Amino acid sequence: MDLITPEQARGVLSTPARLVPFLISFTVYGIAGITVPLMLLFAGGWWLPKTVDRGPHLSTLPALAIDVALLALFGLQHSGMARPAFKAFVTRWVPEALERTVYIFMVCLVMWTVMLAWQPIPRQLWSADGALGIALDAGFWIGFVLVYAATLLLNHFHLLGISQAYRQYILRVPDATVDRLQVNGVYKLVRHPLMTGLLVSFWFASEFTVGHLVWALGLTGYIVLGTFLEERDLIARFGASYRAYAAHVPAFFPSVRSLLNRTPREP
């Protein structure tokens, strides 16, 4: 993001109508900065007192019903609010520069609801030791890193809403984000590296319980459906360019062709 000048800083500090919206966006950015890593650690069963695998829980059938309802809530919110029609609805009530902030706040709120209300089903499906266990745990951390790498490639600050508010209320300049199809870097290998990182982090674990399976299956289903809906939007935005890109680059996991970088250049 562009740096603020001393004159702009004084103007913001003396104008609540500019300062307050930015502080709201900055606060939500901070909440997301806490929520995302905790969600990944929760999903991987690492360090937290309650995770997808362990913690207080009901008996199997009530636990399963609650977990499925929580995953459905997450999927409905995450995909529903991402649709262009819903974004248009939101901007009838909040400034366009804060639309993404509202979305990120709701994602975090639902994610905390899911984590706090989650009912582990601790029956173990596998527990791997030695080299296999190390490989599975390493896979989780590779997915963890890929999630963050993908957000940086997608413009981290814009993805989490703070860039829009910063430019609108602090710099008072138009949003500089270019509506450009990203086909470079890891995007030469897969079309949705963020989702690849999530999938890997959900499925790679040296200890895997029934509850973990419910989590992984539910969010994998959401990712497949959400990606389908997102790709419809991308085709609407980029047309033939995206169709040509999708014909050569797989959605989630690299193919031989993508590993050889045989992808078309962006028009």
Protein backbone atom coordinates (compact mmCIF):
# COMPACT_ATOMS: atom_id res chain seq x y z
CA MET A 1 0.00 0.00 0.00
CA ASP A 2 1.12 3.58 -0.69
CA LEU A 3 2.57 5.49 2.25
CA ILE A 4 0.57 8.27 3.85
CA THR A 5 1.98 11.80 3.98
CA PRO A 6 2.05 13.89 7.19
CA GLU A 7 -0.63 16.19 5.74
CA GLN A 8 -2.90 13.23 4.99
CA ALA A 9 -2.32 11.85 8.49
CA ARG A 10 -3.37 15.13 10.09
CA GLY A 11 -6.44 15.28 7.88
CA VAL A 12 -7.49 11.75 8.84
CA LEU A 13 -6.94 12.26 12.57
CA SER A 14 -9.04 15.42 12.52
CA THR A 15 -11.88 13.88 10.49
CA PRO A 16 -13.86 11.10 12.23
CA ALA A 17 -15.75 10.35 9.01
CA ARG A 18 -12.43 9.23 7.52
CA LEU A 19 -10.75 7.79 10.62
CA VAL A 20 -13.57 5.62 11.98
CA PRO A 21 -14.26 3.58 8.80
CA PHE A 22 -10.56 2.88 8.38
CA LEU A 23 -10.22 1.82 12.02
CA ILE A 24 -13.16 -0.55 11.54
CA SER A 25 -11.46 -2.09 8.52
CA PHE A 26 -8.12 -2.29 10.36
CA THR A 27 -9.77 -3.99 13.35
CA VAL A 28 -11.44 -6.59 11.12
CA TYR A 29 -8.09 -7.17 9.39
CA GLY A 30 -6.57 -7.86 12.80
CA ILE A 31 -9.40 -10.24 13.70
CA ALA A 32 -8.80 -12.14 10.46
CA GLY A 33 -5.08 -12.22 11.21
CA ILE A 34 -5.88 -14.11 14.42
CA THR A 35 -8.74 -16.23 13.10
CA VAL A 36 -7.10 -17.74 10.00
CA PRO A 37 -4.04 -19.31 11.70
CA LEU A 38 -6.17 -20.51 14.60
CA MET A 39 -8.59 -22.13 12.16
CA LEU A 40 -5.72 -23.92 10.43
CA LEU A 41 -4.24 -25.09 13.75
CA PHE A 42 -7.73 -26.19 14.85
CA ALA A 43 -8.12 -28.18 11.62
CA GLY A 44 -4.69 -29.76 11.94
CA GLY A 45 -5.09 -30.71 15.59
CA TRP A 46 -2.10 -28.64 16.67
CA TRP A 47 -1.47 -27.10 20.12
CA LEU A 48 -4.94 -25.66 20.85
CA PRO A 49 -6.93 -26.94 23.86
CA LYS A 50 -9.80 -27.77 21.51
CA THR A 51 -9.33 -28.98 17.94
CA VAL A 52 -11.23 -30.85 15.26
CA ASP A 53 -9.98 -34.09 16.89
CA ARG A 54 -10.24 -33.45 20.62
CA GLY A 55 -12.22 -31.56 23.23
CA PRO A 56 -15.54 -31.86 25.07
CA HIS A 57 -18.19 -33.50 22.92
CA LEU A 58 -21.61 -35.13 22.82
CA SER A 59 -22.30 -38.69 21.76
CA THR A 60 -21.70 -39.58 18.13
CA LEU A 61 -25.07 -38.94 16.48
CA PRO A 62 -25.81 -35.54 18.11
CA ALA A 63 -22.18 -34.54 17.51
CA LEU A 64 -22.43 -35.49 13.85
CA ALA A 65 -25.68 -33.54 13.41
CA ILE A 66 -24.19 -30.41 15.00
CA ASP A 67 -20.98 -30.65 12.95
CA VAL A 68 -22.83 -31.05 9.67
CA ALA A 69 -25.04 -28.04 10.53
CA LEU A 70 -21.94 -25.96 11.35
CA LEU A 71 -20.26 -26.87 8.08
CA ALA A 72 -23.44 -26.03 6.16
CA LEU A 73 -23.57 -22.65 7.91
CA PHE A 74 -19.98 -21.94 6.92
CA GLY A 75 -20.55 -22.95 3.31
CA LEU A 76 -23.72 -20.90 2.95
CA GLN A 77 -22.17 -17.78 4.42
CA HIS A 78 -18.82 -18.07 2.66
CA SER A 79 -20.16 -18.72 -0.82
CA GLY A 80 -23.44 -16.81 -0.54
CA MET A 81 -21.84 -13.53 0.52
CA ALA A 82 -19.16 -13.90 -2.18
CA ARG A 83 -21.69 -13.79 -5.01
CA PRO A 84 -21.89 -10.54 -7.00
CA ALA A 85 -25.63 -10.19 -6.32
CA PHE A 86 -25.08 -10.30 -2.56
CA LYS A 87 -22.21 -7.82 -2.82
CA ALA A 88 -24.55 -5.46 -4.66
CA PHE A 89 -27.09 -5.90 -1.86
CA VAL A 90 -24.50 -5.16 0.85
CA THR A 91 -23.32 -1.97 -0.86
CA ARG A 92 -26.86 -0.61 -0.64
CA TRP A 93 -26.25 -0.33 3.12
CA VAL A 94 -22.50 0.14 3.57
CA PRO A 95 -19.91 2.03 1.48
CA GLU A 96 -18.36 0.00 -1.30
CA ALA A 97 -14.93 0.44 0.29
CA LEU A 98 -16.16 -1.49 3.35
CA GLU A 99 -17.99 -4.28 1.52
CA ARG A 100 -15.02 -6.63 1.76
CA THR A 101 -14.56 -5.73 5.42
CA VAL A 102 -18.16 -6.78 6.14
CA TYR A 103 -17.57 -10.05 4.31
CA ILE A 104 -14.34 -10.81 6.19
CA PHE A 105 -15.98 -10.00 9.53
CA MET A 106 -18.82 -12.41 8.81
CA VAL A 107 -16.37 -15.11 7.74
CA CYS A 108 -14.50 -14.71 11.02
CA LEU A 109 -17.71 -14.69 13.06
CA VAL A 110 -18.93 -17.90 11.46
CA MET A 111 -15.51 -19.51 11.75
CA TRP A 112 -15.36 -18.79 15.49
CA THR A 113 -18.88 -20.19 15.83
CA VAL A 114 -17.78 -23.37 14.06
CA MET A 115 -14.64 -23.80 16.17
CA LEU A 116 -16.32 -23.11 19.50
CA ALA A 117 -19.40 -25.25 18.82
CA TRP A 118 -17.58 -28.08 17.03
CA GLN A 119 -18.18 -31.55 18.47
CA PRO A 120 -15.13 -33.81 18.11
CA ILE A 121 -15.84 -37.43 17.26
CA PRO A 122 -12.63 -38.94 18.64
CA ARG A 123 -12.80 -42.44 17.19
CA GLN A 124 -9.42 -42.81 15.52
CA LEU A 125 -9.20 -43.79 11.86
CA TRP A 126 -5.41 -43.80 11.67
CA SER A 127 -2.37 -42.86 13.68
CA ALA A 128 0.90 -42.82 11.77
CA ASP A 129 4.34 -42.86 13.36
CA GLY A 130 7.84 -42.70 11.96
CA ALA A 131 8.53 -41.48 8.46
CA LEU A 132 4.87 -41.66 7.38
CA GLY A 133 3.73 -39.60 10.36
CA ILE A 134 6.42 -37.00 9.71
CA ALA A 135 5.44 -36.85 6.04
CA LEU A 136 1.76 -36.36 6.87
CA ASP A 137 2.48 -33.63 9.40
CA ALA A 138 4.88 -31.96 6.96
CA GLY A 139 2.08 -32.01 4.37
CA PHE A 140 -0.14 -30.07 6.76
CA TRP A 141 2.51 -27.37 7.21
CA ILE A 142 3.10 -27.18 3.46
CA GLY A 143 -0.64 -26.52 3.06
CA PHE A 144 -0.48 -23.94 5.88
CA VAL A 145 2.31 -22.03 4.13
CA LEU A 146 0.60 -22.29 0.74
CA VAL A 147 -2.54 -20.64 2.14
CA TYR A 148 -0.52 -17.57 3.10
CA ALA A 149 1.54 -17.59 -0.08
CA ALA A 150 -1.64 -17.66 -2.15
CA THR A 151 -3.10 -14.65 -0.29
CA LEU A 152 0.06 -12.68 -1.02
CA LEU A 153 -0.16 -13.52 -4.71
CA LEU A 154 -3.82 -12.47 -4.71
CA ASN A 155 -2.98 -9.09 -3.11
CA HIS A 156 -3.16 -9.88 0.60
CA PHE A 157 -4.39 -6.46 1.77
CA HIS A 158 -7.08 -6.23 -0.89
CA LEU A 159 -8.27 -9.79 -0.21
CA LEU A 160 -8.79 -8.92 3.47
CA GLY A 161 -10.45 -5.58 2.76
CA ILE A 162 -8.01 -3.13 4.29
CA SER A 163 -6.57 -1.83 1.01
CA GLN A 164 -9.97 -0.60 -0.19
CA ALA A 165 -10.62 1.31 3.05
CA TYR A 166 -7.08 2.70 3.16
CA ARG A 167 -7.31 4.13 -0.32
CA GLN A 168 -10.84 5.46 0.13
CA TYR A 169 -10.54 7.04 3.59
CA ILE A 170 -6.82 7.67 4.07
CA LEU A 171 -5.40 8.44 0.62
CA ARG A 172 -8.71 9.48 -0.95
CA VAL A 173 -7.79 7.95 -4.29
CA PRO A 174 -9.64 5.34 -6.40
CA ASP A 175 -9.05 1.66 -5.74
CA ALA A 176 -5.99 0.77 -7.80
CA THR A 177 -6.73 -2.94 -8.03
CA VAL A 178 -6.54 -4.01 -11.67
CA ASP A 179 -9.12 -6.51 -12.82
CA ARG A 180 -6.43 -8.71 -14.30
CA LEU A 181 -6.33 -12.47 -14.67
CA GLN A 182 -3.52 -13.88 -12.53
CA VAL A 183 -1.61 -16.60 -14.40
CA ASN A 184 1.92 -16.21 -13.03
CA GLY A 185 3.87 -17.89 -10.24
CA VAL A 186 2.04 -20.78 -8.61
CA TYR A 187 -0.93 -19.95 -10.85
CA LYS A 188 0.99 -21.61 -13.66
CA LEU A 189 0.55 -24.86 -11.74
CA VAL A 190 -3.00 -24.59 -10.35
CA ARG A 191 -5.88 -22.15 -10.79
CA HIS A 192 -6.82 -22.03 -7.10
CA PRO A 193 -3.66 -22.34 -4.94
CA LEU A 194 -5.44 -21.00 -1.86
CA MET A 195 -7.91 -23.88 -2.06
CA THR A 196 -5.05 -26.30 -2.71
CA GLY A 197 -3.41 -25.19 0.52
CA LEU A 198 -6.65 -25.62 2.46
CA LEU A 199 -7.28 -29.07 1.01
CA VAL A 200 -3.79 -30.24 1.89
CA SER A 201 -4.03 -28.84 5.42
CA PHE A 202 -7.41 -30.53 5.95
CA TRP A 203 -6.38 -34.00 4.79
CA PHE A 204 -2.75 -34.36 5.89
CA ALA A 205 -2.49 -35.38 9.54
CA SER A 206 -0.57 -38.10 11.36
CA GLU A 207 -3.63 -38.62 13.59
CA PHE A 208 -7.02 -38.66 11.91
CA THR A 209 -10.34 -39.14 13.69
CA VAL A 210 -13.93 -39.56 12.51
CA GLY A 211 -14.53 -35.92 13.44
CA HIS A 212 -11.55 -34.92 11.32
CA LEU A 213 -13.02 -36.89 8.42
CA VAL A 214 -16.35 -35.05 8.79
CA TRP A 215 -14.49 -31.73 8.77
CA ALA A 216 -12.35 -32.64 5.76
CA LEU A 217 -15.23 -34.06 3.74
CA GLY A 218 -17.55 -31.16 4.52
CA LEU A 219 -15.06 -28.44 3.65
CA THR A 220 -13.83 -30.31 0.59
CA GLY A 221 -17.42 -30.34 -0.62
CA TYR A 222 -17.68 -26.63 0.08
CA ILE A 223 -14.41 -25.94 -1.79
CA VAL A 224 -15.60 -27.88 -4.85
CA LEU A 225 -18.97 -26.08 -4.88
CA GLY A 226 -17.48 -22.68 -4.07
CA THR A 227 -14.88 -23.07 -6.79
CA PHE A 228 -17.56 -23.99 -9.32
CA LEU A 229 -19.47 -20.81 -8.47
CA GLU A 230 -16.31 -18.71 -8.49
CA GLU A 231 -15.30 -20.04 -11.89
CA ARG A 232 -18.67 -19.01 -13.31
CA ASP A 233 -17.90 -15.48 -12.11
CA LEU A 234 -14.39 -15.62 -13.57
CA ILE A 235 -15.70 -16.74 -16.95
CA ALA A 236 -18.21 -13.89 -16.85
CA ARG A 237 -15.40 -11.42 -16.12
CA PHE A 238 -12.60 -12.73 -18.36
CA GLY A 239 -14.46 -14.77 -20.98
CA ALA A 240 -12.26 -16.57 -23.50
CA SER A 241 -9.06 -15.68 -21.60
CA TYR A 242 -10.17 -17.66 -18.58
CA ARG A 243 -11.49 -20.54 -20.66
CA ALA A 244 -8.10 -20.86 -22.39
CA TYR A 245 -6.29 -20.68 -19.06
CA ALA A 246 -8.57 -23.30 -17.47
CA ALA A 247 -8.05 -25.63 -20.44
CA HIS A 248 -4.32 -25.83 -19.67
CA VAL A 249 -4.08 -25.43 -15.89
CA PRO A 250 -5.86 -27.77 -13.42
CA ALA A 251 -7.98 -26.40 -10.60
CA PHE A 252 -6.28 -27.76 -7.47
CA PHE A 253 -3.36 -30.10 -8.10
CA PRO A 254 -0.59 -29.78 -10.71
CA SER A 255 -0.58 -31.91 -13.83
CA VAL A 256 2.42 -32.87 -15.93
CA ARG A 257 1.50 -30.11 -18.38
CA SER A 258 1.30 -27.44 -15.70
CA LEU A 259 4.57 -28.61 -14.14
CA LEU A 260 6.21 -28.12 -17.51
CA ASN A 261 4.76 -24.58 -17.58
CA ARG A 262 2.98 -25.16 -20.86
CA THR A 263 0.39 -22.47 -20.15
CA PRO A 264 -0.85 -19.79 -22.46
CA ARG A 265 0.27 -16.22 -21.96
CA GLU A 266 -2.38 -13.84 -20.72
CA PRO A 267 -3.81 -11.85 -23.61
